[in-house]
């Protein structure tokens, strides 16, 4: 079963996972635009689940994997990491993955690094599921968060 929501606000839609990015480690103000090489704090909030595997993939505009970060569990349903955003200007995808014994949830959002007025903001997303189902050809434009629950 795949659940999908376009809303980045968890109060608007009950989604299983939500990503927040900030320049502030206390997340008093979230943002999706960063300067090159700026330190970004990232928090993933989930609804339930006893997750044994949690990571964040940083992907370029062609959805190529640049780096994977471990998400540290700080509360029952909260995971965090911090890293410097890429030095190269452009749009990047942040892909949070949480896996439990019975399910896998994924959230994908975009960030903007530097001045990118003339850059393409389309991402080709390809998701493989455990049961062989392949979800592909999905486009993400702008700064919207996409949620997937794969069970």
N, C-alpha and C. Protein backbone atom coordinates (compact mmCIF):
# COMPACT_ATOMS: atom_id res chain seq x y z
N UNK A 1 0.85 -1.17 0.00
CA UNK A 1 0.00 0.00 0.00
C UNK A 1 0.89 1.24 0.00
N UNK A 2 0.55 2.23 -0.81
CA UNK A 2 1.33 3.45 -0.88
C UNK A 2 0.42 4.62 -0.49
N UNK A 3 0.87 5.40 0.50
CA UNK A 3 0.13 6.59 0.90
C UNK A 3 0.94 7.79 0.42
N UNK A 4 0.26 8.84 -0.02
CA UNK A 4 0.93 9.97 -0.61
C UNK A 4 0.24 11.26 -0.20
N UNK A 5 1.03 12.27 0.10
CA UNK A 5 0.49 13.57 0.46
C UNK A 5 1.43 14.65 -0.05
N UNK A 6 0.91 15.75 -0.51
CA UNK A 6 1.75 16.85 -0.99
C UNK A 6 2.01 17.87 0.10
N UNK A 7 1.37 17.78 1.21
CA UNK A 7 1.47 18.80 2.24
C UNK A 7 2.71 18.63 3.11
N UNK A 8 3.53 19.70 3.27
CA UNK A 8 4.68 19.60 4.15
C UNK A 8 4.33 19.85 5.61
N UNK A 9 3.06 20.11 5.90
CA UNK A 9 2.64 20.44 7.25
C UNK A 9 1.93 19.24 7.87
N UNK A 10 2.52 18.60 8.90
CA UNK A 10 1.90 17.40 9.46
C UNK A 10 0.57 17.68 10.15
N UNK A 11 0.29 18.94 10.52
CA UNK A 11 -1.00 19.25 11.12
C UNK A 11 -2.12 19.23 10.08
N UNK A 12 -1.78 19.47 8.81
CA UNK A 12 -2.79 19.49 7.76
C UNK A 12 -3.16 18.08 7.32
N UNK A 13 -2.18 17.20 7.22
CA UNK A 13 -2.41 15.84 6.75
C UNK A 13 -1.70 14.89 7.70
N UNK A 14 -2.39 13.86 8.14
CA UNK A 14 -1.76 12.86 9.00
C UNK A 14 -0.90 11.96 8.13
N UNK A 15 0.36 12.31 8.00
CA UNK A 15 1.29 11.52 7.21
C UNK A 15 2.20 10.75 8.16
N UNK A 16 2.76 9.65 7.71
CA UNK A 16 3.59 8.84 8.60
C UNK A 16 4.98 9.41 8.84
N UNK A 17 5.39 10.41 8.05
CA UNK A 17 6.76 10.93 8.17
C UNK A 17 6.79 12.38 7.68
N UNK A 18 7.67 13.17 8.29
CA UNK A 18 7.77 14.60 7.95
C UNK A 18 9.22 15.04 8.11
N UNK A 19 9.73 15.83 7.15
CA UNK A 19 11.10 16.33 7.18
C UNK A 19 11.10 17.82 7.46
N UNK A 20 11.99 18.26 8.36
CA UNK A 20 12.19 19.69 8.63
C UNK A 20 13.67 20.00 8.51
N UNK A 21 14.00 21.07 7.79
CA UNK A 21 15.37 21.53 7.63
C UNK A 21 15.48 22.92 8.24
N UNK A 22 16.64 23.21 8.86
CA UNK A 22 16.83 24.48 9.53
C UNK A 22 18.32 24.82 9.60
N UNK A 23 18.63 26.09 9.77
CA UNK A 23 20.00 26.52 10.06
C UNK A 23 20.18 26.59 11.58
N UNK A 24 19.11 26.34 12.31
CA UNK A 24 19.07 26.43 13.77
C UNK A 24 18.92 25.03 14.37
N UNK A 25 19.81 24.62 15.28
CA UNK A 25 19.71 23.27 15.84
C UNK A 25 18.47 23.05 16.71
N UNK A 26 17.77 24.12 17.08
CA UNK A 26 16.55 24.01 17.88
C UNK A 26 15.29 24.05 17.02
N UNK A 27 15.44 24.22 15.71
CA UNK A 27 14.35 24.20 14.74
C UNK A 27 13.26 25.23 15.04
N UNK A 28 13.68 26.38 15.57
CA UNK A 28 12.69 27.44 15.82
C UNK A 28 12.17 28.02 14.51
N UNK A 29 12.99 27.96 13.48
CA UNK A 29 12.56 28.42 12.15
C UNK A 29 13.09 27.44 11.11
N UNK A 30 12.18 26.86 10.34
CA UNK A 30 12.60 25.93 9.29
C UNK A 30 12.74 26.70 7.98
N UNK A 31 13.51 26.12 7.07
CA UNK A 31 13.69 26.77 5.77
C UNK A 31 14.06 25.74 4.72
N UNK A 32 13.96 26.12 3.45
CA UNK A 32 14.32 25.22 2.36
C UNK A 32 15.30 25.87 1.39
N UNK A 33 15.84 27.03 1.76
CA UNK A 33 16.86 27.70 0.95
C UNK A 33 18.10 27.91 1.80
N UNK A 34 19.26 27.49 1.26
CA UNK A 34 20.51 27.55 2.00
C UNK A 34 21.60 28.17 1.13
N UNK A 35 22.62 28.71 1.78
CA UNK A 35 23.80 29.19 1.08
C UNK A 35 24.74 28.02 0.86
N UNK A 36 25.57 28.08 -0.18
CA UNK A 36 26.51 26.98 -0.41
C UNK A 36 27.38 26.73 0.83
N UNK A 37 27.56 25.48 1.17
CA UNK A 37 28.40 25.03 2.29
C UNK A 37 27.86 25.42 3.67
N UNK A 38 26.62 25.85 3.75
CA UNK A 38 26.00 26.22 5.03
C UNK A 38 25.66 24.96 5.82
N UNK A 39 25.79 25.03 7.13
CA UNK A 39 25.45 23.91 7.99
C UNK A 39 23.93 23.80 8.10
N UNK A 40 23.41 22.62 7.79
CA UNK A 40 21.97 22.39 7.85
C UNK A 40 21.68 21.35 8.92
N UNK A 41 20.67 21.63 9.73
CA UNK A 41 20.16 20.67 10.71
C UNK A 41 18.89 20.09 10.13
N UNK A 42 18.76 18.79 10.22
CA UNK A 42 17.61 18.14 9.63
C UNK A 42 16.95 17.25 10.68
N UNK A 43 15.62 17.35 10.74
CA UNK A 43 14.85 16.54 11.69
C UNK A 43 13.77 15.79 10.91
N UNK A 44 13.63 14.51 11.23
CA UNK A 44 12.58 13.68 10.64
C UNK A 44 11.66 13.27 11.77
N UNK A 45 10.38 13.58 11.62
CA UNK A 45 9.36 13.22 12.61
C UNK A 45 8.50 12.13 12.01
N UNK A 46 8.24 11.10 12.79
CA UNK A 46 7.42 10.00 12.29
C UNK A 46 6.26 9.73 13.24
N UNK A 47 5.26 9.07 12.72
CA UNK A 47 4.11 8.67 13.53
C UNK A 47 4.26 7.18 13.81
N UNK A 48 4.59 6.85 15.04
CA UNK A 48 4.70 5.44 15.43
C UNK A 48 5.83 4.71 14.74
N UNK A 49 5.86 3.43 14.96
CA UNK A 49 6.86 2.58 14.32
C UNK A 49 8.07 2.36 15.20
N UNK A 50 8.51 1.13 15.26
CA UNK A 50 9.72 0.77 15.98
C UNK A 50 10.81 0.59 14.93
N UNK A 51 11.40 1.69 14.49
CA UNK A 51 12.32 1.67 13.37
C UNK A 51 13.70 1.18 13.78
N UNK A 52 14.26 0.24 13.03
CA UNK A 52 15.59 -0.26 13.30
C UNK A 52 16.61 0.26 12.29
N UNK A 53 16.13 0.87 11.22
CA UNK A 53 17.02 1.43 10.21
C UNK A 53 16.49 2.80 9.82
N UNK A 54 17.35 3.81 9.92
CA UNK A 54 16.93 5.16 9.55
C UNK A 54 18.12 5.89 8.92
N UNK A 55 17.88 6.46 7.72
CA UNK A 55 18.94 7.21 7.07
C UNK A 55 18.35 8.31 6.20
N UNK A 56 19.24 9.19 5.77
CA UNK A 56 18.87 10.29 4.90
C UNK A 56 19.80 10.25 3.69
N UNK A 57 19.22 10.26 2.51
CA UNK A 57 20.01 10.31 1.27
C UNK A 57 19.96 11.72 0.71
N UNK A 58 21.12 12.25 0.38
CA UNK A 58 21.23 13.54 -0.31
C UNK A 58 21.42 13.22 -1.78
N UNK A 59 20.53 13.77 -2.63
CA UNK A 59 20.58 13.46 -4.06
C UNK A 59 20.63 14.75 -4.87
N UNK A 60 21.31 14.69 -6.03
CA UNK A 60 21.40 15.86 -6.89
C UNK A 60 20.15 15.99 -7.74
N UNK A 61 20.14 16.97 -8.65
CA UNK A 61 18.97 17.26 -9.47
C UNK A 61 18.65 16.13 -10.45
N UNK A 62 19.60 15.25 -10.72
CA UNK A 62 19.34 14.08 -11.56
C UNK A 62 18.98 12.87 -10.72
N UNK A 63 18.81 13.07 -9.43
CA UNK A 63 18.46 12.06 -8.44
C UNK A 63 19.57 11.03 -8.24
N UNK A 64 20.81 11.44 -8.53
CA UNK A 64 21.96 10.60 -8.24
C UNK A 64 22.29 10.73 -6.76
N UNK A 65 22.61 9.62 -6.13
CA UNK A 65 22.96 9.62 -4.71
C UNK A 65 24.32 10.29 -4.51
N UNK A 66 24.36 11.33 -3.69
CA UNK A 66 25.61 12.02 -3.38
C UNK A 66 26.21 11.52 -2.07
N UNK A 67 25.35 11.35 -1.06
CA UNK A 67 25.83 10.92 0.24
C UNK A 67 24.66 10.41 1.08
N UNK A 68 24.95 9.46 1.96
CA UNK A 68 23.95 8.94 2.90
C UNK A 68 24.38 9.29 4.31
N UNK A 69 23.43 9.79 5.09
CA UNK A 69 23.69 10.18 6.48
C UNK A 69 22.85 9.30 7.41
N UNK A 70 23.42 8.94 8.53
CA UNK A 70 22.68 8.20 9.56
C UNK A 70 21.79 9.20 10.30
N UNK A 71 20.55 8.84 10.57
CA UNK A 71 19.65 9.66 11.36
C UNK A 71 19.67 9.16 12.80
N UNK A 72 20.10 10.00 13.72
CA UNK A 72 20.17 9.63 15.13
C UNK A 72 18.81 9.79 15.79
N UNK A 73 18.38 8.77 16.51
CA UNK A 73 17.10 8.82 17.21
C UNK A 73 17.28 9.63 18.48
N UNK A 74 16.51 10.73 18.62
CA UNK A 74 16.61 11.60 19.79
C UNK A 74 15.38 11.53 20.68
N UNK A 75 14.30 11.02 20.15
CA UNK A 75 13.06 10.85 20.90
C UNK A 75 12.31 9.67 20.28
N UNK A 76 11.17 9.35 20.85
CA UNK A 76 10.41 8.18 20.40
C UNK A 76 10.14 8.21 18.89
N UNK A 77 9.82 9.34 18.34
CA UNK A 77 9.50 9.42 16.92
C UNK A 77 10.24 10.58 16.24
N UNK A 78 11.45 10.88 16.71
CA UNK A 78 12.24 11.98 16.15
C UNK A 78 13.66 11.51 15.85
N UNK A 79 14.14 11.87 14.66
CA UNK A 79 15.48 11.51 14.21
C UNK A 79 16.15 12.76 13.66
N UNK A 80 17.45 12.93 13.93
CA UNK A 80 18.15 14.15 13.50
C UNK A 80 19.51 13.83 12.89
N UNK A 81 19.98 14.78 12.10
CA UNK A 81 21.34 14.77 11.58
C UNK A 81 21.70 16.21 11.23
N UNK A 82 22.98 16.46 11.03
CA UNK A 82 23.45 17.79 10.62
C UNK A 82 24.59 17.58 9.63
N UNK A 83 24.63 18.43 8.61
CA UNK A 83 25.70 18.35 7.62
C UNK A 83 25.76 19.66 6.85
N UNK A 84 26.89 19.89 6.18
CA UNK A 84 27.02 21.06 5.33
C UNK A 84 26.38 20.75 3.98
N UNK A 85 25.54 21.67 3.50
CA UNK A 85 24.93 21.48 2.19
C UNK A 85 26.03 21.57 1.13
N UNK A 86 25.78 21.04 -0.05
CA UNK A 86 26.82 21.07 -1.09
C UNK A 86 27.25 22.50 -1.41
N UNK A 87 28.47 22.60 -1.89
CA UNK A 87 29.02 23.91 -2.27
C UNK A 87 28.47 24.36 -3.62
N UNK A 88 28.11 23.39 -4.46
CA UNK A 88 27.59 23.71 -5.78
C UNK A 88 26.13 24.14 -5.69
N UNK A 89 25.82 25.27 -6.34
CA UNK A 89 24.45 25.79 -6.32
C UNK A 89 23.53 24.86 -7.09
N UNK A 90 22.28 24.80 -6.66
CA UNK A 90 21.29 23.98 -7.36
C UNK A 90 20.22 23.48 -6.43
N UNK A 91 19.37 22.62 -6.95
CA UNK A 91 18.32 21.98 -6.17
C UNK A 91 18.79 20.58 -5.80
N UNK A 92 18.49 20.18 -4.57
CA UNK A 92 18.88 18.87 -4.07
C UNK A 92 17.67 18.20 -3.42
N UNK A 93 17.62 16.89 -3.53
CA UNK A 93 16.55 16.13 -2.89
C UNK A 93 17.07 15.55 -1.59
N UNK A 94 16.23 15.62 -0.55
CA UNK A 94 16.50 14.98 0.73
C UNK A 94 15.51 13.84 0.86
N UNK A 95 16.01 12.63 0.99
CA UNK A 95 15.18 11.44 1.01
C UNK A 95 15.38 10.73 2.35
N UNK A 96 14.39 10.83 3.22
CA UNK A 96 14.44 10.17 4.53
C UNK A 96 13.82 8.79 4.41
N UNK A 97 14.50 7.79 4.98
CA UNK A 97 14.03 6.40 4.93
C UNK A 97 14.00 5.84 6.35
N UNK A 98 12.84 5.35 6.76
CA UNK A 98 12.69 4.71 8.06
C UNK A 98 12.14 3.31 7.82
N UNK A 99 12.77 2.31 8.43
CA UNK A 99 12.36 0.93 8.20
C UNK A 99 12.14 0.23 9.53
N UNK A 100 11.01 -0.48 9.62
CA UNK A 100 10.71 -1.31 10.79
C UNK A 100 10.54 -2.75 10.32
N UNK A 101 10.20 -3.63 11.25
CA UNK A 101 9.98 -5.03 10.88
C UNK A 101 8.81 -5.20 9.92
N UNK A 102 7.81 -4.33 10.00
CA UNK A 102 6.58 -4.50 9.22
C UNK A 102 6.36 -3.47 8.12
N UNK A 103 7.11 -2.38 8.13
CA UNK A 103 6.87 -1.36 7.12
C UNK A 103 8.11 -0.53 6.84
N UNK A 104 8.01 0.22 5.77
CA UNK A 104 9.06 1.15 5.39
C UNK A 104 8.37 2.45 4.98
N UNK A 105 8.83 3.58 5.52
CA UNK A 105 8.27 4.87 5.13
C UNK A 105 9.39 5.72 4.56
N UNK A 106 9.01 6.58 3.63
CA UNK A 106 9.98 7.42 2.94
C UNK A 106 9.36 8.79 2.72
N UNK A 107 10.14 9.83 2.93
CA UNK A 107 9.71 11.19 2.61
C UNK A 107 10.78 11.83 1.75
N UNK A 108 10.36 12.60 0.78
CA UNK A 108 11.29 13.27 -0.11
C UNK A 108 10.90 14.74 -0.19
N UNK A 109 11.88 15.60 0.03
CA UNK A 109 11.66 17.03 -0.11
C UNK A 109 12.86 17.64 -0.82
N UNK A 110 12.74 18.87 -1.27
CA UNK A 110 13.84 19.52 -1.96
C UNK A 110 14.33 20.72 -1.18
N UNK A 111 15.62 21.04 -1.37
CA UNK A 111 16.19 22.27 -0.85
C UNK A 111 16.85 23.00 -2.01
N UNK A 112 16.96 24.30 -1.86
CA UNK A 112 17.60 25.14 -2.86
C UNK A 112 18.91 25.63 -2.24
N UNK A 113 20.00 25.49 -2.98
CA UNK A 113 21.31 25.96 -2.51
C UNK A 113 21.78 27.06 -3.45
N UNK A 114 21.97 28.26 -2.90
CA UNK A 114 22.46 29.39 -3.69
C UNK A 114 21.41 29.96 -4.62
N UNK A 115 21.89 30.67 -5.64
CA UNK A 115 21.02 31.30 -6.63
C UNK A 115 20.77 30.31 -7.75
N UNK A 116 19.51 29.98 -7.98
CA UNK A 116 19.18 28.92 -8.94
C UNK A 116 18.03 29.30 -9.86
N UNK A 117 17.92 30.55 -10.20
CA UNK A 117 16.76 31.03 -10.97
C UNK A 117 16.57 30.30 -12.30
N UNK A 118 17.65 29.88 -12.95
CA UNK A 118 17.52 29.28 -14.28
C UNK A 118 17.65 27.76 -14.27
N UNK A 119 17.68 27.15 -13.11
CA UNK A 119 17.88 25.70 -13.04
C UNK A 119 16.57 24.94 -13.11
N UNK A 120 16.63 23.74 -13.66
CA UNK A 120 15.50 22.83 -13.72
C UNK A 120 15.26 22.24 -12.34
N UNK A 121 14.01 22.19 -11.90
CA UNK A 121 13.70 21.66 -10.57
C UNK A 121 12.91 20.36 -10.65
N UNK A 122 13.05 19.62 -11.72
CA UNK A 122 12.36 18.35 -11.86
C UNK A 122 13.27 17.22 -11.40
N UNK A 123 12.73 16.31 -10.62
CA UNK A 123 13.48 15.15 -10.16
C UNK A 123 12.83 13.90 -10.71
N UNK A 124 13.62 12.96 -11.13
CA UNK A 124 13.14 11.62 -11.49
C UNK A 124 13.33 10.75 -10.27
N UNK A 125 12.24 10.30 -9.68
CA UNK A 125 12.31 9.50 -8.46
C UNK A 125 12.00 8.05 -8.81
N UNK A 126 12.84 7.16 -8.32
CA UNK A 126 12.67 5.73 -8.57
C UNK A 126 12.72 5.02 -7.22
N UNK A 127 11.62 4.38 -6.84
CA UNK A 127 11.53 3.71 -5.55
C UNK A 127 11.30 2.23 -5.79
N UNK A 128 12.15 1.41 -5.19
CA UNK A 128 11.98 -0.04 -5.24
C UNK A 128 11.39 -0.49 -3.92
N UNK A 129 10.42 -1.38 -3.99
CA UNK A 129 9.80 -1.90 -2.78
C UNK A 129 10.27 -3.32 -2.54
N UNK A 130 10.04 -3.81 -1.33
CA UNK A 130 10.47 -5.15 -0.97
C UNK A 130 9.77 -6.23 -1.77
N UNK A 131 8.53 -5.98 -2.21
CA UNK A 131 7.78 -7.02 -2.92
C UNK A 131 7.96 -6.93 -4.43
N UNK A 132 8.97 -6.20 -4.89
CA UNK A 132 9.27 -6.12 -6.31
C UNK A 132 8.52 -5.02 -7.04
N UNK A 133 7.59 -4.35 -6.36
CA UNK A 133 6.86 -3.26 -7.00
C UNK A 133 7.81 -2.09 -7.18
N UNK A 134 7.79 -1.46 -8.34
CA UNK A 134 8.68 -0.35 -8.64
C UNK A 134 7.84 0.89 -8.91
N UNK A 135 8.13 1.96 -8.19
CA UNK A 135 7.43 3.22 -8.38
C UNK A 135 8.43 4.16 -9.04
N UNK A 136 8.16 4.59 -10.26
CA UNK A 136 9.15 5.43 -10.93
C UNK A 136 8.46 6.47 -11.81
N UNK A 137 9.27 7.35 -12.39
CA UNK A 137 8.75 8.37 -13.28
C UNK A 137 8.04 9.49 -12.56
N UNK A 138 8.21 9.58 -11.27
CA UNK A 138 7.54 10.57 -10.46
C UNK A 138 8.33 11.87 -10.49
N UNK A 139 7.65 13.00 -10.65
CA UNK A 139 8.34 14.27 -10.71
C UNK A 139 8.02 15.11 -9.48
N UNK A 140 9.02 15.77 -8.96
CA UNK A 140 8.86 16.67 -7.83
C UNK A 140 9.33 18.04 -8.25
N UNK A 141 8.45 19.02 -8.21
CA UNK A 141 8.83 20.37 -8.62
C UNK A 141 8.70 21.31 -7.44
N UNK A 142 9.65 22.21 -7.30
CA UNK A 142 9.60 23.19 -6.24
C UNK A 142 9.94 22.60 -4.89
N UNK A 143 9.40 23.18 -3.86
CA UNK A 143 9.72 22.78 -2.49
C UNK A 143 8.53 22.10 -1.85
N UNK A 144 8.11 20.99 -2.40
CA UNK A 144 7.01 20.22 -1.84
C UNK A 144 7.56 18.93 -1.28
N UNK A 145 6.96 18.45 -0.22
CA UNK A 145 7.38 17.19 0.36
C UNK A 145 6.46 16.09 -0.12
N UNK A 146 7.04 14.98 -0.54
CA UNK A 146 6.29 13.82 -0.99
C UNK A 146 6.47 12.73 0.07
N UNK A 147 5.39 12.08 0.44
CA UNK A 147 5.43 11.04 1.45
C UNK A 147 5.05 9.71 0.83
N UNK A 148 5.77 8.67 1.17
CA UNK A 148 5.46 7.33 0.70
C UNK A 148 5.48 6.39 1.89
N UNK A 149 4.54 5.50 1.95
CA UNK A 149 4.55 4.43 2.94
C UNK A 149 4.46 3.13 2.19
N UNK A 150 5.48 2.32 2.30
CA UNK A 150 5.54 1.08 1.55
C UNK A 150 5.40 -0.06 2.54
N UNK A 151 4.30 -0.82 2.42
CA UNK A 151 4.04 -1.91 3.37
C UNK A 151 3.81 -3.20 2.64
